[in-house]
């Protein structure tokens, strides 16, 4: 079993956090004159405080989960969020954990594999920290302390870039010819813009974007593990019927041997083929 997971987070909502951040940001050490320091306080410090506060969205001790989405194997993603986002986090955690418990049969001999982009370095750690702070016990099957290369984890960032290196999911999707971030809502969005969407009353779009990231992670996983795509290509080359396909742009040229082949998903659709090997 594979559980594809993504969360979207927002900066600290606790009282006094901005003030604490502001108190910790001091002017450059070479600023000595009172008028120079006053000008810095007025012209530059507010932006520095805002930047530091926004970064708390990456800190499980301060930020909070705005929405979470998961998909089990080939099932459609489920997303957990609420319009009342400021007080939604406990319910999001309970809903997500309940879905994981329902999906995983504890009697199974093998643990599920959790798949995500930087899932070991961010998503799971953030979820664990927020669960601790709310006193919400997570399912024991979630590998919070797993390393990116452990069998119970498939981290698409590590699988592509190598341990210790980084690559953004959007950049990786574009390299693989997959739809980029925000394509499901027709807007430019990434983790750094989630807070802007939330404060604009667009939390539902953030939820759709979160689901889209789960779909992107699943598609990237299939590419990186050569699951589906290579099998479909081999079947098509033999003139057979494809069983699955990914949301890739249709190549300009296709092997002649694939002519007439359509996967079952495309054959059932009235729209023109949009998938590789489907003509």
Protein backbone atom coordinates (compact mmCIF):
# COMPACT_ATOMS: atom_id res chain seq x y z
CA UNK A 1 0.00 0.00 0.00
CA UNK A 2 1.17 3.51 -0.86
CA UNK A 3 -0.17 6.59 0.93
CA UNK A 4 0.51 9.82 -0.95
CA UNK A 5 0.53 12.80 1.39
CA UNK A 6 0.80 16.59 1.30
CA UNK A 7 0.09 19.39 3.76
CA UNK A 8 -0.18 23.16 3.39
CA UNK A 9 0.81 25.32 6.32
CA UNK A 10 0.39 28.93 7.40
CA UNK A 11 2.38 31.22 9.71
CA UNK A 12 1.96 31.43 13.48
CA UNK A 13 -1.44 32.64 14.63
CA UNK A 14 -0.57 32.83 18.32
CA UNK A 15 -0.74 36.13 20.12
CA UNK A 16 2.55 37.89 20.65
CA UNK A 17 4.56 35.97 18.05
CA UNK A 18 5.09 38.98 15.81
CA UNK A 19 6.17 41.05 18.79
CA UNK A 20 8.69 38.42 19.83
CA UNK A 21 10.07 38.29 16.30
CA UNK A 22 10.29 42.07 16.12
CA UNK A 23 12.13 42.24 19.44
CA UNK A 24 14.72 39.77 18.17
CA UNK A 25 15.50 41.71 14.99
CA UNK A 26 18.12 44.37 15.60
CA UNK A 27 19.64 46.97 13.26
CA UNK A 28 23.03 46.28 11.65
CA UNK A 29 25.88 46.56 14.11
CA UNK A 30 27.52 49.39 12.19
CA UNK A 31 24.46 51.62 12.66
CA UNK A 32 25.41 53.94 15.51
CA UNK A 33 23.52 57.18 14.99
CA UNK A 34 20.06 57.41 16.50
CA UNK A 35 18.58 58.93 13.33
CA UNK A 36 20.07 56.14 11.19
CA UNK A 37 18.64 53.49 13.48
CA UNK A 38 15.27 55.24 13.52
CA UNK A 39 15.21 55.32 9.72
CA UNK A 40 16.06 51.60 9.59
CA UNK A 41 13.31 50.85 12.10
CA UNK A 42 10.85 52.75 9.95
CA UNK A 43 11.95 51.77 6.44
CA UNK A 44 13.44 48.28 6.65
CA UNK A 45 12.49 46.50 9.85
CA UNK A 46 8.78 45.94 9.05
CA UNK A 47 9.66 43.91 5.94
CA UNK A 48 12.19 41.86 7.90
CA UNK A 49 9.64 41.13 10.61
CA UNK A 50 7.05 40.12 8.01
CA UNK A 51 9.53 37.82 6.27
CA UNK A 52 10.56 36.16 9.52
CA UNK A 53 6.93 35.76 10.61
CA UNK A 54 5.95 34.15 7.31
CA UNK A 55 8.77 31.64 7.73
CA UNK A 56 7.07 30.34 10.86
CA UNK A 57 4.84 28.42 8.44
CA UNK A 58 7.80 26.03 8.18
CA UNK A 59 8.16 25.66 11.95
CA UNK A 60 5.93 23.07 13.59
CA UNK A 61 6.30 24.81 16.94
CA UNK A 62 4.69 28.00 15.62
CA UNK A 63 2.94 27.52 12.28
CA UNK A 64 -0.18 25.46 11.73
CA UNK A 65 -1.72 23.11 9.18
CA UNK A 66 -4.24 24.84 6.91
CA UNK A 67 -5.16 21.69 4.99
CA UNK A 68 -3.97 18.15 4.43
CA UNK A 69 -4.60 15.73 1.58
CA UNK A 70 -3.87 12.08 0.99
CA UNK A 71 -4.54 9.38 -1.56
CA UNK A 72 -4.25 5.63 -1.07
CA UNK A 73 -2.79 3.79 -4.05
CA UNK A 74 -4.89 4.76 -7.10
CA UNK A 75 -7.85 6.20 -5.18
CA UNK A 76 -8.85 9.86 -5.62
CA UNK A 77 -7.31 12.24 -3.08
CA UNK A 78 -9.21 13.24 0.03
CA UNK A 79 -8.61 16.66 1.55
CA UNK A 80 -9.19 17.96 5.07
CA UNK A 81 -9.77 21.66 5.69
CA UNK A 82 -12.40 24.11 6.94
CA UNK A 83 -13.53 27.58 5.99
CA UNK A 84 -12.90 28.56 9.60
CA UNK A 85 -9.21 27.93 9.01
CA UNK A 86 -8.00 29.71 12.16
CA UNK A 87 -9.55 27.00 14.39
CA UNK A 88 -9.51 24.09 11.97
CA UNK A 89 -6.19 22.44 12.74
CA UNK A 90 -7.30 19.93 15.43
CA UNK A 91 -10.12 18.71 13.18
CA UNK A 92 -7.75 18.46 10.21
CA UNK A 93 -5.34 16.31 12.20
CA UNK A 94 -8.10 14.05 13.52
CA UNK A 95 -9.60 13.62 10.06
CA UNK A 96 -6.26 12.86 8.44
CA UNK A 97 -5.26 10.37 11.13
CA UNK A 98 -8.66 8.66 10.97
CA UNK A 99 -8.31 8.27 7.20
CA UNK A 100 -4.88 6.69 7.60
CA UNK A 101 -6.18 4.30 10.26
CA UNK A 102 -9.11 3.35 8.05
CA UNK A 103 -6.85 2.73 5.05
CA UNK A 104 -4.30 0.60 6.86
CA UNK A 105 -5.19 -2.81 8.19
CA UNK A 106 -3.06 -3.29 11.31
CA UNK A 107 -3.12 -7.05 10.71
CA UNK A 108 -1.08 -6.66 7.54
CA UNK A 109 2.44 -7.95 7.73
CA UNK A 110 3.87 -5.00 5.81
CA UNK A 111 3.64 -1.32 6.62
CA UNK A 112 2.36 1.14 4.03
CA UNK A 113 4.84 3.31 2.17
CA UNK A 114 4.29 7.02 2.71
CA UNK A 115 5.09 9.03 -0.41
CA UNK A 116 5.61 12.77 -0.60
CA UNK A 117 7.94 15.54 -1.72
CA UNK A 118 10.33 16.28 1.16
CA UNK A 119 7.94 14.22 3.24
CA UNK A 120 10.64 13.04 5.63
CA UNK A 121 12.13 16.48 6.15
CA UNK A 122 8.92 18.49 6.43
CA UNK A 123 5.41 17.01 6.19
CA UNK A 124 5.74 14.17 8.69
CA UNK A 125 7.83 16.15 11.16
CA UNK A 126 5.39 19.08 11.05
CA UNK A 127 2.41 16.78 11.55
CA UNK A 128 4.08 15.09 14.52
CA UNK A 129 4.89 18.40 16.18
CA UNK A 130 1.38 19.77 15.72
CA UNK A 131 -0.13 16.51 17.00
CA UNK A 132 2.02 16.74 20.12
CA UNK A 133 1.00 20.34 20.76
CA UNK A 134 -2.70 19.50 20.41
CA UNK A 135 -2.47 16.24 22.34
CA UNK A 136 -3.87 14.26 19.39
CA UNK A 137 -2.40 10.77 19.15
CA UNK A 138 -1.46 9.85 15.56
CA UNK A 139 -1.58 6.35 14.08
CA UNK A 140 1.43 4.28 15.10
CA UNK A 141 1.98 3.31 11.47
CA UNK A 142 3.09 6.83 10.45
CA UNK A 143 6.91 6.73 10.27
CA UNK A 144 7.64 10.11 11.82
CA UNK A 145 11.30 9.30 12.45
CA UNK A 146 12.01 7.57 9.15
CA UNK A 147 14.97 8.60 7.06
CA UNK A 148 14.36 9.48 3.39
CA UNK A 149 15.82 6.17 2.22
CA UNK A 150 13.91 3.89 4.62
CA UNK A 151 11.55 1.34 3.09
CA UNK A 152 8.48 2.90 4.70
CA UNK A 153 9.18 6.25 2.98
CA UNK A 154 9.48 7.30 -0.64
CA UNK A 155 10.64 10.91 -0.78
CA UNK A 156 10.38 12.12 -4.37
CA UNK A 157 12.82 14.97 -3.71
CA UNK A 158 15.52 12.61 -2.45
CA UNK A 159 14.78 10.03 -5.13
CA UNK A 160 15.40 12.64 -7.84
CA UNK A 161 18.04 14.95 -6.38
CA UNK A 162 19.90 12.59 -4.04
CA UNK A 163 20.29 12.77 -0.29
CA UNK A 164 21.09 16.28 0.95
CA UNK A 165 20.11 17.94 -2.32
CA UNK A 166 16.90 19.75 -3.11
CA UNK A 167 14.55 20.22 -6.04
CA UNK A 168 11.16 21.90 -6.01
CA UNK A 169 8.14 19.80 -6.90
CA UNK A 170 7.06 22.30 -9.55
CA UNK A 171 10.48 22.26 -11.22
CA UNK A 172 10.56 18.47 -11.13
CA UNK A 173 7.08 18.20 -12.61
CA UNK A 174 8.01 20.50 -15.46
CA UNK A 175 11.18 18.54 -16.13
CA UNK A 176 9.07 15.38 -16.38
CA UNK A 177 6.43 17.02 -18.57
CA UNK A 178 3.78 16.92 -15.85
CA UNK A 179 1.31 19.71 -15.03
CA UNK A 180 2.86 22.26 -12.69
CA UNK A 181 1.64 23.71 -9.43
CA UNK A 182 -1.63 25.61 -9.57
CA UNK A 183 -2.78 24.01 -12.83
CA UNK A 184 -5.86 22.59 -11.07
CA UNK A 185 -7.07 26.05 -10.01
CA UNK A 186 -5.69 28.10 -12.89
CA UNK A 187 -3.61 30.31 -10.62
CA UNK A 188 0.01 30.74 -9.64
CA UNK A 189 0.48 29.28 -6.18
CA UNK A 190 3.10 27.57 -4.09
CA UNK A 191 3.72 27.10 -0.40
CA UNK A 192 4.91 30.67 -0.02
CA UNK A 193 1.63 32.04 -1.40
CA UNK A 194 -0.74 29.86 0.61
CA UNK A 195 -1.11 32.48 3.35
CA UNK A 196 -2.07 35.13 0.79
CA UNK A 197 -4.77 32.83 -0.62
CA UNK A 198 -6.06 32.06 2.87
CA UNK A 199 -6.35 35.71 3.88
CA UNK A 200 -8.07 36.46 0.56
CA UNK A 201 -10.83 33.99 1.48
CA UNK A 202 -9.59 31.34 -0.96
CA UNK A 203 -9.00 28.42 1.40
CA UNK A 204 -11.08 26.16 -0.86
CA UNK A 205 -8.62 26.83 -3.69
CA UNK A 206 -5.75 26.03 -1.34
CA UNK A 207 -7.46 22.70 -0.63
CA UNK A 208 -7.74 21.97 -4.36
CA UNK A 209 -4.10 22.90 -4.76
CA UNK A 210 -3.19 20.54 -1.91
CA UNK A 211 -5.07 17.72 -3.65
CA UNK A 212 -3.26 18.65 -6.84
CA UNK A 213 0.09 18.27 -5.08
CA UNK A 214 -0.93 14.75 -4.04
CA UNK A 215 -1.73 13.96 -7.67
CA UNK A 216 1.60 15.47 -8.75
CA UNK A 217 3.52 13.45 -6.17
CA UNK A 218 1.77 10.29 -7.31
CA UNK A 219 2.59 10.99 -10.95
CA UNK A 220 6.22 11.78 -10.11
CA UNK A 221 6.43 8.60 -8.03
CA UNK A 222 5.23 6.55 -10.98
CA UNK A 223 7.82 8.14 -13.22
CA UNK A 224 10.67 7.69 -10.75
CA UNK A 225 9.79 4.05 -10.11
CA UNK A 226 9.05 3.34 -13.79
CA UNK A 227 5.61 2.15 -12.72
CA UNK A 228 2.93 2.20 -15.37
CA UNK A 229 4.64 4.34 -17.98
CA UNK A 230 7.24 1.84 -19.15
CA UNK A 231 4.77 -1.02 -18.97
CA UNK A 232 2.22 0.93 -21.00
CA UNK A 233 4.88 1.82 -23.56
CA UNK A 234 5.90 -1.82 -23.96
CA UNK A 235 2.29 -2.93 -24.31
CA UNK A 236 1.60 -0.22 -26.86
CA UNK A 237 4.66 -1.21 -28.89
CA UNK A 238 3.20 -4.71 -29.12
CA UNK A 239 -0.11 -3.35 -30.33
CA UNK A 240 -1.93 -4.20 -27.12
CA UNK A 241 -4.40 -2.26 -25.00
CA UNK A 242 -3.00 0.04 -22.37
CA UNK A 243 -4.37 -0.15 -18.87
CA UNK A 244 -3.30 3.20 -17.47
CA UNK A 245 -1.67 6.47 -18.37
CA UNK A 246 -0.37 9.65 -16.77
CA UNK A 247 -1.36 13.25 -17.36
CA UNK A 248 1.50 14.08 -19.68
CA UNK A 249 1.29 16.26 -22.82
CA UNK A 250 0.86 14.19 -25.95
CA UNK A 251 4.24 13.91 -27.73
CA UNK A 252 4.44 15.42 -31.20
CA UNK A 253 5.57 12.11 -32.66
CA UNK A 254 4.68 8.59 -31.59
CA UNK A 255 6.18 5.25 -32.58
CA UNK A 256 4.37 3.80 -35.57
CA UNK A 257 3.80 0.59 -33.66
CA UNK A 258 1.58 2.45 -31.20
CA UNK A 259 -0.86 3.59 -33.85
CA UNK A 260 -4.40 2.72 -32.90
CA UNK A 261 -3.55 1.95 -29.29
CA UNK A 262 -5.57 3.68 -26.60
CA UNK A 263 -5.52 3.06 -22.91
CA UNK A 264 -8.79 2.07 -21.28
CA UNK A 265 -9.11 5.44 -19.56
CA UNK A 266 -8.74 7.37 -22.80
CA UNK A 267 -10.93 4.96 -24.74
CA UNK A 268 -13.73 5.59 -22.27
CA UNK A 269 -13.35 9.34 -22.65
CA UNK A 270 -15.07 11.33 -25.37
CA UNK A 271 -12.26 13.89 -25.36
CA UNK A 272 -9.23 13.75 -27.59
CA UNK A 273 -6.32 11.71 -26.28
CA UNK A 274 -3.94 13.69 -24.10
CA UNK A 275 -1.73 10.91 -22.91
CA UNK A 276 1.45 9.34 -24.30
CA UNK A 277 0.98 6.41 -26.62
CA UNK A 278 -2.76 7.16 -26.94
CA UNK A 279 -3.60 8.18 -30.51
